[in-house]
C-alpha cells in the first residue's frame, strides 16, 4: 500500500474497537476535516492481549519514524514499538 499526495498532508494514528485489529490512519489537508484510510497497516502481535491502543508516531532527529502503542488493557502494562 502506498500513498502519494501532491500537497502537504497531516497524518493521524488511530485504532478501532476491537483493539486487536491494528493500526489505522486518518489524513487531512487542513487539520480540521479528517478522512479515514480504509486499511489496517500493522496487526498487533506483541503483549499478552495482542491489542493496539493509543498508537503514536513521531519522527526522530535522524529522520526515522517511530511508532509506540499500548499492548494491553487493565493489568497488562506493555508497550509495543516499531
PDB file of N, CA and C in Angstrom:
ATOM      1  N   UNK A   1       0.847  -1.176   0.000  1.00  0.00           N
ATOM      2  CA  UNK A   1       0.000   0.000   0.000  1.00  0.00           C
ATOM      3  C   UNK A   1       0.885   1.229   0.000  1.00  0.00           C
ATOM      4  N   UNK A   2       0.611   2.170  -0.843  1.00  0.00           N
ATOM      5  CA  UNK A   2       1.367   3.419  -0.846  1.00  0.00           C
ATOM      6  C   UNK A   2       0.405   4.581  -1.013  1.00  0.00           C
ATOM      7  N   UNK A   3       0.870   5.729  -0.603  1.00  0.00           N
ATOM      8  CA  UNK A   3       0.047   6.930  -0.671  1.00  0.00           C
ATOM      9  C   UNK A   3       0.936   8.085  -1.098  1.00  0.00           C
ATOM     10  N   UNK A   4       0.518   8.797  -2.104  1.00  0.00           N
ATOM     11  CA  UNK A   4       1.268   9.969  -2.550  1.00  0.00           C
ATOM     12  C   UNK A   4       0.327  11.155  -2.586  1.00  0.00           C
ATOM     13  N   UNK A   5       0.773  12.256  -2.038  1.00  0.00           N
ATOM     14  CA  UNK A   5      -0.035  13.474  -2.022  1.00  0.00           C
ATOM     15  C   UNK A   5       0.681  14.542  -2.836  1.00  0.00           C
ATOM     16  N   UNK A   6      -0.090  15.290  -3.598  1.00  0.00           N
ATOM     17  CA  UNK A   6       0.500  16.359  -4.396  1.00  0.00           C
ATOM     18  C   UNK A   6       0.737  17.610  -3.560  1.00  0.00           C
ATOM     19  N   UNK A   7       0.242  17.612  -2.318  1.00  0.00           N
ATOM     20  CA  UNK A   7       0.477  18.719  -1.401  1.00  0.00           C
ATOM     21  C   UNK A   7       0.671  18.160   0.003  1.00  0.00           C
ATOM     22  N   UNK A   8       1.070  19.005   0.931  1.00  0.00           N
ATOM     23  CA  UNK A   8       1.310  18.555   2.306  1.00  0.00           C
ATOM     24  C   UNK A   8       0.034  18.000   2.915  1.00  0.00           C
ATOM     25  N   UNK A   9       0.222  16.989   3.757  1.00  0.00           N
ATOM     26  CA  UNK A   9      -0.923  16.332   4.379  1.00  0.00           C
ATOM     27  C   UNK A   9      -0.595  16.046   5.843  1.00  0.00           C
ATOM     28  N   UNK A  10      -1.594  16.153   6.717  1.00  0.00           N
ATOM     29  CA  UNK A  10      -1.465  15.764   8.116  1.00  0.00           C
ATOM     30  C   UNK A  10      -1.854  14.299   8.228  1.00  0.00           C
ATOM     31  N   UNK A  11      -1.158  13.567   9.088  1.00  0.00           N
ATOM     32  CA  UNK A  11      -1.429  12.148   9.282  1.00  0.00           C
ATOM     33  C   UNK A  11      -1.664  11.900  10.763  1.00  0.00           C
ATOM     34  N   UNK A  12      -2.698  11.125  11.079  1.00  0.00           N
ATOM     35  CA  UNK A  12      -3.102  10.863  12.455  1.00  0.00           C
ATOM     36  C   UNK A  12      -3.213   9.360  12.645  1.00  0.00           C
ATOM     37  N   UNK A  13      -2.621   8.826  13.721  1.00  0.00           N
ATOM     38  CA  UNK A  13      -2.721   7.398  14.012  1.00  0.00           C
ATOM     39  C   UNK A  13      -3.995   7.121  14.792  1.00  0.00           C
ATOM     40  N   UNK A  14      -4.543   5.913  14.603  1.00  0.00           N
ATOM     41  CA  UNK A  14      -5.803   5.577  15.251  1.00  0.00           C
ATOM     42  C   UNK A  14      -5.940   4.064  15.386  1.00  0.00           C
ATOM     43  N   UNK A  15      -6.942   3.651  16.159  1.00  0.00           N
ATOM     44  CA  UNK A  15      -7.333   2.249  16.255  1.00  0.00           C
ATOM     45  C   UNK A  15      -8.845   2.202  16.391  1.00  0.00           C
ATOM     46  N   UNK A  16      -9.430   1.077  16.075  1.00  0.00           N
ATOM     47  CA  UNK A  16     -10.867   0.846  16.253  1.00  0.00           C
ATOM     48  C   UNK A  16     -11.047  -0.268  17.264  1.00  0.00           C
ATOM     49  N   UNK A  17     -12.174  -0.267  17.925  1.00  0.00           N
ATOM     50  CA  UNK A  17     -12.539  -1.411  18.753  1.00  0.00           C
ATOM     51  C   UNK A  17     -13.151  -2.469  17.849  1.00  0.00           C
ATOM     52  N   UNK A  18     -12.832  -3.725  17.980  1.00  0.00           N
ATOM     53  CA  UNK A  18     -11.925  -4.245  18.993  1.00  0.00           C
ATOM     54  C   UNK A  18     -10.481  -3.861  18.669  1.00  0.00           C
ATOM     55  N   UNK A  19      -9.712  -3.605  19.699  1.00  0.00           N
ATOM     56  CA  UNK A  19      -8.355  -3.084  19.536  1.00  0.00           C
ATOM     57  C   UNK A  19      -7.376  -4.112  18.982  1.00  0.00           C
ATOM     58  N   UNK A  20      -7.834  -5.311  18.694  1.00  0.00           N
ATOM     59  CA  UNK A  20      -6.939  -6.333  18.139  1.00  0.00           C
ATOM     60  C   UNK A  20      -6.853  -6.260  16.615  1.00  0.00           C
ATOM     61  N   UNK A  21      -7.534  -5.305  15.988  1.00  0.00           N
ATOM     62  CA  UNK A  21      -7.489  -5.195  14.528  1.00  0.00           C
ATOM     63  C   UNK A  21      -6.181  -4.587  14.036  1.00  0.00           C
ATOM     64  N   UNK A  22      -5.684  -3.538  14.693  1.00  0.00           N
ATOM     65  CA  UNK A  22      -4.406  -2.972  14.301  1.00  0.00           C
ATOM     66  C   UNK A  22      -4.424  -1.487  13.994  1.00  0.00           C
ATOM     67  N   UNK A  23      -3.297  -1.020  13.458  1.00  0.00           N
ATOM     68  CA  UNK A  23      -3.050   0.396  13.212  1.00  0.00           C
ATOM     69  C   UNK A  23      -3.845   0.907  12.018  1.00  0.00           C
ATOM     70  N   UNK A  24      -4.467   2.052  12.223  1.00  0.00           N
ATOM     71  CA  UNK A  24      -5.190   2.751  11.157  1.00  0.00           C
ATOM     72  C   UNK A  24      -4.679   4.187  11.092  1.00  0.00           C
ATOM     73  N   UNK A  25      -4.893   4.824   9.958  1.00  0.00           N
ATOM     74  CA  UNK A  25      -4.509   6.224   9.778  1.00  0.00           C
ATOM     75  C   UNK A  25      -5.700   7.041   9.302  1.00  0.00           C
ATOM     76  N   UNK A  26      -5.685   8.313   9.664  1.00  0.00           N
ATOM     77  CA  UNK A  26      -6.585   9.306   9.111  1.00  0.00           C
ATOM     78  C   UNK A  26      -5.701  10.397   8.518  1.00  0.00           C
ATOM     79  N   UNK A  27      -6.205  11.115   7.524  1.00  0.00           N
ATOM     80  CA  UNK A  27      -5.422  12.194   6.931  1.00  0.00           C
ATOM     81  C   UNK A  27      -6.284  13.434   6.754  1.00  0.00           C
ATOM     82  N   UNK A  28      -5.608  14.575   6.663  1.00  0.00           N
ATOM     83  CA  UNK A  28      -6.287  15.849   6.480  1.00  0.00           C
ATOM     84  C   UNK A  28      -5.355  16.803   5.743  1.00  0.00           C
ATOM     85  N   UNK A  29      -5.940  17.658   4.919  1.00  0.00           N
ATOM     86  CA  UNK A  29      -5.157  18.697   4.253  1.00  0.00           C
ATOM     87  C   UNK A  29      -5.190  20.011   5.024  1.00  0.00           C
ATOM     88  N   UNK A  30      -6.145  20.138   5.976  1.00  0.00           N
ATOM     89  CA  UNK A  30      -6.279  21.399   6.708  1.00  0.00           C
ATOM     90  C   UNK A  30      -6.263  21.233   8.232  1.00  0.00           C
ATOM     91  N   UNK A  31      -6.133  20.017   8.746  1.00  0.00           N
ATOM     92  CA  UNK A  31      -6.122  19.686  10.179  1.00  0.00           C
ATOM     93  C   UNK A  31      -7.470  19.925  10.857  1.00  0.00           C
ATOM     94  N   UNK A  32      -8.519  20.147  10.075  1.00  0.00           N
ATOM     95  CA  UNK A  32      -9.876  20.296  10.612  1.00  0.00           C
ATOM     96  C   UNK A  32     -10.809  19.199  10.110  1.00  0.00           C
ATOM     97  N   UNK A  33     -10.641  18.795   8.884  1.00  0.00           N
ATOM     98  CA  UNK A  33     -11.501  17.794   8.261  1.00  0.00           C
ATOM     99  C   UNK A  33     -10.661  16.546   7.991  1.00  0.00           C
ATOM    100  N   UNK A  34     -11.035  15.447   8.639  1.00  0.00           N
ATOM    101  CA  UNK A  34     -10.240  14.223   8.587  1.00  0.00           C
ATOM    102  C   UNK A  34     -10.975  13.133   7.834  1.00  0.00           C
ATOM    103  N   UNK A  35     -10.217  12.323   7.091  1.00  0.00           N
ATOM    104  CA  UNK A  35     -10.775  11.172   6.375  1.00  0.00           C
ATOM    105  C   UNK A  35      -9.962   9.935   6.746  1.00  0.00           C
ATOM    106  N   UNK A  36     -10.674   8.850   6.998  1.00  0.00           N
ATOM    107  CA  UNK A  36     -10.013   7.593   7.345  1.00  0.00           C
ATOM    108  C   UNK A  36      -9.493   6.911   6.085  1.00  0.00           C
ATOM    109  N   UNK A  37      -8.344   6.275   6.203  1.00  0.00           N
ATOM    110  CA  UNK A  37      -7.824   5.411   5.149  1.00  0.00           C
ATOM    111  C   UNK A  37      -8.313   4.008   5.489  1.00  0.00           C
ATOM    112  N   UNK A  38      -9.078   3.418   4.612  1.00  0.00           N
ATOM    113  CA  UNK A  38      -9.715   2.126   4.884  1.00  0.00           C
ATOM    114  C   UNK A  38      -8.717   0.987   4.679  1.00  0.00           C
ATOM    115  N   UNK A  39      -7.818   0.846   5.650  1.00  0.00           N
ATOM    116  CA  UNK A  39      -6.780  -0.179   5.565  1.00  0.00           C
ATOM    117  C   UNK A  39      -6.198  -0.379   6.962  1.00  0.00           C
ATOM    118  N   UNK A  40      -5.824  -1.589   7.295  1.00  0.00           N
ATOM    119  CA  UNK A  40      -5.111  -1.871   8.540  1.00  0.00           C
ATOM    120  C   UNK A  40      -3.647  -2.052   8.176  1.00  0.00           C
ATOM    121  N   UNK A  41      -2.771  -1.253   8.791  1.00  0.00           N
ATOM    122  CA  UNK A  41      -1.370  -1.205   8.386  1.00  0.00           C
ATOM    123  C   UNK A  41      -0.468  -2.146   9.177  1.00  0.00           C
ATOM    124  N   UNK A  42      -0.699  -2.297  10.464  1.00  0.00           N
ATOM    125  CA  UNK A  42       0.097  -3.205  11.292  1.00  0.00           C
ATOM    126  C   UNK A  42      -0.857  -3.937  12.224  1.00  0.00           C
ATOM    127  N   UNK A  43      -0.792  -5.260  12.236  1.00  0.00           N
ATOM    128  CA  UNK A  43      -1.586  -6.059  13.168  1.00  0.00           C
ATOM    129  C   UNK A  43      -0.777  -6.233  14.451  1.00  0.00           C
ATOM    130  N   UNK A  44      -1.409  -6.073  15.622  1.00  0.00           N
ATOM    131  CA  UNK A  44      -0.674  -6.235  16.882  1.00  0.00           C
ATOM    132  C   UNK A  44      -0.318  -7.695  17.138  1.00  0.00           C
ATOM    133  N   UNK A  45       0.959  -7.949  17.349  1.00  0.00           N
ATOM    134  CA  UNK A  45       1.431  -9.313  17.586  1.00  0.00           C
ATOM    135  C   UNK A  45       2.311  -9.407  18.825  1.00  0.00           C
ATOM    136  N   UNK A  46       2.295  -8.373  19.673  1.00  0.00           N
ATOM    137  CA  UNK A  46       3.076  -8.393  20.912  1.00  0.00           C
ATOM    138  C   UNK A  46       2.147  -8.150  22.093  1.00  0.00           C
ATOM    139  N   UNK A  47       2.607  -8.525  23.285  1.00  0.00           N
ATOM    140  CA  UNK A  47       1.819  -8.355  24.502  1.00  0.00           C
ATOM    141  C   UNK A  47       0.888  -9.527  24.729  1.00  0.00           C
ATOM    142  N   UNK A  48       0.475  -9.692  25.961  1.00  0.00           N
ATOM    143  CA  UNK A  48      -0.408 -10.802  26.318  1.00  0.00           C
ATOM    144  C   UNK A  48      -1.757 -10.716  25.606  1.00  0.00           C
ATOM    145  N   UNK A  49      -2.315  -9.516  25.506  1.00  0.00           N
ATOM    146  CA  UNK A  49      -3.646  -9.344  24.921  1.00  0.00           C
ATOM    147  C   UNK A  49      -3.615  -9.179  23.402  1.00  0.00           C
ATOM    148  N   UNK A  50      -2.433  -8.943  22.832  1.00  0.00           N
ATOM    149  CA  UNK A  50      -2.293  -8.739  21.385  1.00  0.00           C
ATOM    150  C   UNK A  50      -3.261  -7.670  20.865  1.00  0.00           C
ATOM    151  N   UNK A  51      -3.209  -6.504  21.524  1.00  0.00           N
ATOM    152  CA  UNK A  51      -4.030  -5.387  21.078  1.00  0.00           C
ATOM    153  C   UNK A  51      -3.143  -4.184  20.782  1.00  0.00           C
ATOM    154  N   UNK A  52      -3.709  -3.208  20.097  1.00  0.00           N
ATOM    155  CA  UNK A  52      -3.016  -1.958  19.805  1.00  0.00           C
ATOM    156  C   UNK A  52      -3.962  -0.822  20.165  1.00  0.00           C
ATOM    157  N   UNK A  53      -3.620  -0.115  21.237  1.00  0.00           N
ATOM    158  CA  UNK A  53      -4.409   1.032  21.673  1.00  0.00           C
ATOM    159  C   UNK A  53      -3.505   2.253  21.704  1.00  0.00           C
ATOM    160  N   UNK A  54      -4.080   3.397  21.428  1.00  0.00           N
ATOM    161  CA  UNK A  54      -3.389   4.685  21.555  1.00  0.00           C
ATOM    162  C   UNK A  54      -2.066   4.741  20.783  1.00  0.00           C
ATOM    163  N   UNK A  55      -2.056   4.349  19.507  1.00  0.00           N
ATOM    164  CA  UNK A  55      -0.806   4.413  18.751  1.00  0.00           C
ATOM    165  C   UNK A  55      -0.344   5.858  18.569  1.00  0.00           C
ATOM    166  N   UNK A  56       0.954   6.042  18.591  1.00  0.00           N
ATOM    167  CA  UNK A  56       1.542   7.369  18.432  1.00  0.00           C
ATOM    168  C   UNK A  56       2.788   7.244  17.562  1.00  0.00           C
ATOM    169  N   UNK A  57       2.930   8.151  16.603  1.00  0.00           N
ATOM    170  CA  UNK A  57       4.079   8.111  15.698  1.00  0.00           C
ATOM    171  C   UNK A  57       4.809   9.448  15.776  1.00  0.00           C
ATOM    172  N   UNK A  58       6.137   9.381  15.736  1.00  0.00           N
ATOM    173  CA  UNK A  58       6.954  10.591  15.810  1.00  0.00           C
ATOM    174  C   UNK A  58       8.188  10.400  14.933  1.00  0.00           C
ATOM    175  N   UNK A  59       8.670  11.486  14.371  1.00  0.00           N
ATOM    176  CA  UNK A  59       9.894  11.436  13.578  1.00  0.00           C
ATOM    177  C   UNK A  59      11.060  11.846  14.461  1.00  0.00           C
ATOM    178  N   UNK A  60      12.066  10.984  14.536  1.00  0.00           N
ATOM    179  CA  UNK A  60      13.245  11.260  15.341  1.00  0.00           C
ATOM    180  C   UNK A  60      14.179  12.235  14.646  1.00  0.00           C
ATOM    181  N   UNK A  61      15.193  12.728  15.367  1.00  0.00           N
ATOM    182  CA  UNK A  61      16.137  13.692  14.797  1.00  0.00           C
ATOM    183  C   UNK A  61      16.937  13.135  13.618  1.00  0.00           C
ATOM    184  N   UNK A  62      16.996  11.801  13.511  1.00  0.00           N
ATOM    185  CA  UNK A  62      17.719  11.181  12.396  1.00  0.00           C
ATOM    186  C   UNK A  62      16.828  10.968  11.173  1.00  0.00           C
ATOM    187  N   UNK A  63      15.542  11.406  11.248  1.00  0.00           N
ATOM    188  CA  UNK A  63      14.622  11.271  10.125  1.00  0.00           C
ATOM    189  C   UNK A  63      13.808   9.992  10.142  1.00  0.00           C
ATOM    190  N   UNK A  64      14.130   9.058  11.045  1.00  0.00           N
ATOM    191  CA  UNK A  64      13.397   7.799  11.151  1.00  0.00           C
ATOM    192  C   UNK A  64      12.090   8.024  11.910  1.00  0.00           C
ATOM    193  N   UNK A  65      11.016   7.374  11.451  1.00  0.00           N
ATOM    194  CA  UNK A  65       9.735   7.443  12.147  1.00  0.00           C
ATOM    195  C   UNK A  65       9.629   6.285  13.130  1.00  0.00           C
ATOM    196  N   UNK A  66       9.112   6.579  14.330  1.00  0.00           N
ATOM    197  CA  UNK A  66       8.954   5.583  15.383  1.00  0.00           C
ATOM    198  C   UNK A  66       7.486   5.509  15.779  1.00  0.00           C
ATOM    199  N   UNK A  67       7.012   4.292  16.036  1.00  0.00           N
ATOM    200  CA  UNK A  67       5.633   4.058  16.437  1.00  0.00           C
ATOM    201  C   UNK A  67       5.629   3.341  17.777  1.00  0.00           C
ATOM    202  N   UNK A  68       4.832   3.827  18.724  1.00  0.00           N
ATOM    203  CA  UNK A  68       4.638   3.153  20.011  1.00  0.00           C
ATOM    204  C   UNK A  68       3.144   3.029  20.260  1.00  0.00           C
ATOM    205  N   UNK A  69       2.746   2.000  21.038  1.00  0.00           N
ATOM    206  CA  UNK A  69       1.343   1.801  21.360  1.00  0.00           C
ATOM    207  C   UNK A  69       1.217   0.979  22.631  1.00  0.00           C
ATOM    208  N   UNK A  70       0.057   1.026  23.234  1.00  0.00           N
ATOM    209  CA  UNK A  70      -0.259   0.217  24.403  1.00  0.00           C
ATOM    210  C   UNK A  70      -0.625  -1.179  23.926  1.00  0.00           C
ATOM    211  N   UNK A  71       0.003  -2.211  24.514  1.00  0.00           N
ATOM    212  CA  UNK A  71      -0.229  -3.590  24.067  1.00  0.00           C
ATOM    213  C   UNK A  71      -1.256  -4.325  24.909  1.00  0.00           C
ATOM    214  N   UNK A  72      -1.746  -3.697  25.947  1.00  0.00           N
ATOM    215  CA  UNK A  72      -2.712  -4.363  26.806  1.00  0.00           C
ATOM    216  C   UNK A  72      -3.641  -3.367  27.455  1.00  0.00           C
ATOM    217  N   UNK A  73      -4.535  -3.884  28.243  1.00  0.00           N
ATOM    218  CA  UNK A  73      -5.524  -3.065  28.919  1.00  0.00           C
ATOM    219  C   UNK A  73      -5.701  -3.631  30.310  1.00  0.00           C
ATOM    220  N   UNK A  74      -6.013  -2.824  31.260  1.00  0.00           N
ATOM    221  CA  UNK A  74      -6.210  -3.218  32.656  1.00  0.00           C
ATOM    222  C   UNK A  74      -4.882  -3.594  33.306  1.00  0.00           C
ATOM    223  N   UNK A  75      -4.582  -4.863  33.541  1.00  0.00           N
ATOM    224  CA  UNK A  75      -3.389  -5.250  34.301  1.00  0.00           C
ATOM    225  C   UNK A  75      -2.130  -5.423  33.457  1.00  0.00           C
ATOM    226  N   UNK A  76      -2.240  -5.388  32.151  1.00  0.00           N
ATOM    227  CA  UNK A  76      -1.078  -5.528  31.266  1.00  0.00           C
ATOM    228  C   UNK A  76      -0.482  -4.144  31.032  1.00  0.00           C
ATOM    229  N   UNK A  77       0.768  -3.948  31.367  1.00  0.00           N
ATOM    230  CA  UNK A  77       1.404  -2.633  31.241  1.00  0.00           C
ATOM    231  C   UNK A  77       2.419  -2.595  30.109  1.00  0.00           C
ATOM    232  N   UNK A  78       2.210  -3.391  29.071  1.00  0.00           N
ATOM    233  CA  UNK A  78       3.171  -3.485  27.978  1.00  0.00           C
ATOM    234  C   UNK A  78       3.082  -2.337  26.989  1.00  0.00           C
ATOM    235  N   UNK A  79       4.187  -2.125  26.291  1.00  0.00           N
ATOM    236  CA  UNK A  79       4.291  -1.120  25.239  1.00  0.00           C
ATOM    237  C   UNK A  79       4.867  -1.800  24.002  1.00  0.00           C
ATOM    238  N   UNK A  80       4.246  -1.559  22.857  1.00  0.00           N
ATOM    239  CA  UNK A  80       4.779  -2.051  21.596  1.00  0.00           C
ATOM    240  C   UNK A  80       5.503  -0.925  20.885  1.00  0.00           C
ATOM    241  N   UNK A  81       6.468  -1.260  20.051  1.00  0.00           N
ATOM    242  CA  UNK A  81       7.173  -0.240  19.281  1.00  0.00           C
ATOM    243  C   UNK A  81       7.616  -0.809  17.942  1.00  0.00           C
ATOM    244  N   UNK A  82       7.706   0.073  16.975  1.00  0.00           N
ATOM    245  CA  UNK A  82       8.162  -0.325  15.639  1.00  0.00           C
ATOM    246  C   UNK A  82       8.925   0.835  15.027  1.00  0.00           C
TER     247      UNK A  82
END
